[in-house]
Amino acid sequence: MGKTYSIQKNPFIVPTTDGKLIEEHFGKATDQNSDISIAHMIAPSGWSEPFQTPEFDEYTYIIKGKKQFTIDDEIVILEAGQSIKIEKYTRVQYANPFQQECEYIAICLPAFTIETTHREDE
């Protein structure tokens, strides 16, 4: 009988150019799972991404620091210990305009892919 669990010791480090650390533990890049992706992230102070309208629900749990979400025209700020679900096809921008880096976990259903993110600068 095969193992009924899988331990991730070597997450995929997503290459970035904006100083953000992205470690995908489960998802398309690590285990070819298209149903869900789970990533550990650290966004440096001053970081932001372009607006996007993804084809997946995204759950974010803040471990340390604060993160700013611009959802349609509303600004929402989450702090450590708080979480949010943003439904797919919602226009959103993620940013860390604060002095401290922000560490968080992101879970996407179905799994994150750059093609289904629909960033406005790409």
Protein backbone atom coordinates (compact mmCIF):
# COMPACT_ATOMS: atom_id res chain seq x y z
CA MET A 1 0.00 0.00 0.00
CA GLY A 2 1.36 3.45 -0.97
CA LYS A 3 1.70 6.44 1.26
CA THR A 4 -1.48 8.35 1.96
CA TYR A 5 0.36 11.62 2.60
CA SER A 6 2.97 13.82 0.99
CA ILE A 7 5.46 16.03 2.84
CA GLN A 8 6.84 19.03 0.99
CA LYS A 9 10.46 19.72 1.94
CA ASN A 10 11.55 21.47 -1.26
CA PRO A 11 8.95 24.02 -2.34
CA PHE A 12 9.32 25.56 -5.78
CA ILE A 13 10.82 29.06 -5.54
CA VAL A 14 8.99 31.16 -8.12
CA PRO A 15 11.41 33.52 -9.89
CA THR A 16 10.47 37.17 -9.27
CA THR A 17 11.93 40.54 -10.19
CA ASP A 18 10.20 42.59 -7.46
CA GLY A 19 11.94 41.26 -4.34
CA LYS A 20 9.00 39.10 -3.28
CA LEU A 21 9.69 35.57 -2.06
CA ILE A 22 7.21 32.98 -3.34
CA GLU A 23 7.57 29.38 -2.18
CA GLU A 24 4.93 27.15 -3.76
CA HIS A 25 4.45 24.10 -1.54
CA PHE A 26 1.67 22.49 -3.56
CA GLY A 27 0.35 23.44 -6.98
CA LYS A 28 1.11 23.41 -10.69
CA ALA A 29 4.86 24.06 -10.33
CA THR A 30 5.52 21.52 -7.55
CA ASP A 31 3.25 18.52 -7.94
CA GLN A 32 1.26 19.43 -11.10
CA ASN A 33 -1.88 19.82 -8.96
CA SER A 34 -4.36 22.02 -10.82
CA ASP A 35 -7.04 21.85 -8.09
CA ILE A 36 -5.26 23.92 -5.42
CA SER A 37 -2.08 25.84 -4.83
CA ILE A 38 -0.57 26.72 -1.47
CA ALA A 39 2.28 29.21 -1.24
CA HIS A 40 4.31 30.88 1.50
CA MET A 41 5.17 34.47 0.59
CA ILE A 42 7.19 37.37 1.93
CA ALA A 43 6.46 40.76 0.36
CA PRO A 44 9.06 43.46 1.06
CA SER A 45 8.16 46.96 2.22
CA GLY A 46 7.10 49.05 -0.77
CA TRP A 47 6.10 46.07 -2.92
CA SER A 48 3.02 46.06 -5.16
CA GLU A 49 1.61 44.18 -8.13
CA PRO A 50 -0.54 45.41 -11.03
CA PHE A 51 -4.30 44.98 -10.85
CA GLN A 52 -5.50 41.52 -11.83
CA THR A 53 -8.79 39.68 -12.34
CA PRO A 54 -7.97 36.02 -11.65
CA GLU A 55 -9.94 32.92 -12.59
CA PHE A 56 -9.45 31.46 -9.09
CA ASP A 57 -10.62 32.13 -5.54
CA GLU A 58 -7.72 33.34 -3.41
CA TYR A 59 -7.47 32.96 0.34
CA THR A 60 -4.77 34.91 2.19
CA TYR A 61 -3.69 34.45 5.82
CA ILE A 62 -1.33 37.09 7.25
CA ILE A 63 1.44 35.67 9.45
CA LYS A 64 3.45 38.85 10.06
CA GLY A 65 3.12 42.51 9.08
CA LYS A 66 0.27 44.04 7.06
CA LYS A 67 -0.95 43.70 3.48
CA GLN A 68 -3.10 46.07 1.45
CA PHE A 69 -5.79 44.83 -0.92
CA THR A 70 -7.48 47.18 -3.38
CA ILE A 71 -10.66 45.29 -4.27
CA ASP A 72 -12.53 47.06 -7.05
CA ASP A 73 -12.40 50.60 -5.55
CA GLU A 74 -12.19 49.63 -1.86
CA ILE A 75 -8.95 49.50 0.14
CA VAL A 76 -8.77 46.71 2.74
CA ILE A 77 -5.80 46.31 5.10
CA LEU A 78 -5.17 43.02 6.88
CA GLU A 79 -2.85 42.48 9.84
CA ALA A 80 -1.20 39.40 11.35
CA GLY A 81 -3.75 36.78 12.38
CA GLN A 82 -6.38 37.96 9.89
CA SER A 83 -7.47 36.31 6.65
CA ILE A 84 -9.54 37.08 3.58
CA LYS A 85 -11.20 35.25 0.70
CA ILE A 86 -11.36 37.07 -2.63
CA GLU A 87 -13.70 35.44 -5.11
CA LYS A 88 -12.58 34.68 -8.65
CA TYR A 89 -13.24 37.29 -11.35
CA THR A 90 -12.79 40.08 -8.76
CA ARG A 91 -10.50 42.93 -9.81
CA VAL A 92 -7.81 43.20 -7.14
CA GLN A 93 -4.40 44.71 -6.50
CA TYR A 94 -2.03 43.42 -3.81
CA ALA A 95 0.50 45.72 -2.12
CA ASN A 96 2.67 46.28 0.94
CA PRO A 97 3.08 50.05 1.30
CA PHE A 98 4.05 49.63 4.94
CA GLN A 99 7.45 49.86 6.70
CA GLN A 100 7.66 46.15 7.61
CA GLU A 101 7.78 43.15 5.30
CA CYS A 102 4.60 41.07 5.13
CA GLU A 103 4.69 37.30 5.51
CA TYR A 104 1.60 35.36 4.48
CA ILE A 105 0.12 32.16 3.09
CA ALA A 106 -1.90 32.23 -0.14
CA ILE A 107 -4.22 29.43 -1.21
CA CYS A 108 -5.75 29.46 -4.70
CA LEU A 109 -8.70 27.32 -5.87
CA PRO A 110 -8.20 26.16 -8.59
CA ALA A 111 -4.41 26.38 -8.58
CA PHE A 112 -2.60 29.60 -9.46
CA THR A 113 -1.17 29.95 -12.95
CA ILE A 114 0.17 33.15 -14.46
CA GLU A 115 -2.14 32.60 -17.46
CA THR A 116 -5.29 32.60 -15.28
CA THR A 117 -4.21 35.62 -13.22
CA HIS A 118 -4.91 38.20 -15.96
CA ARG A 119 -2.57 40.92 -14.70
CA GLU A 120 -3.29 44.21 -16.39
CA ASP A 121 0.31 44.89 -17.43
CA GLU A 122 0.76 41.59 -19.27
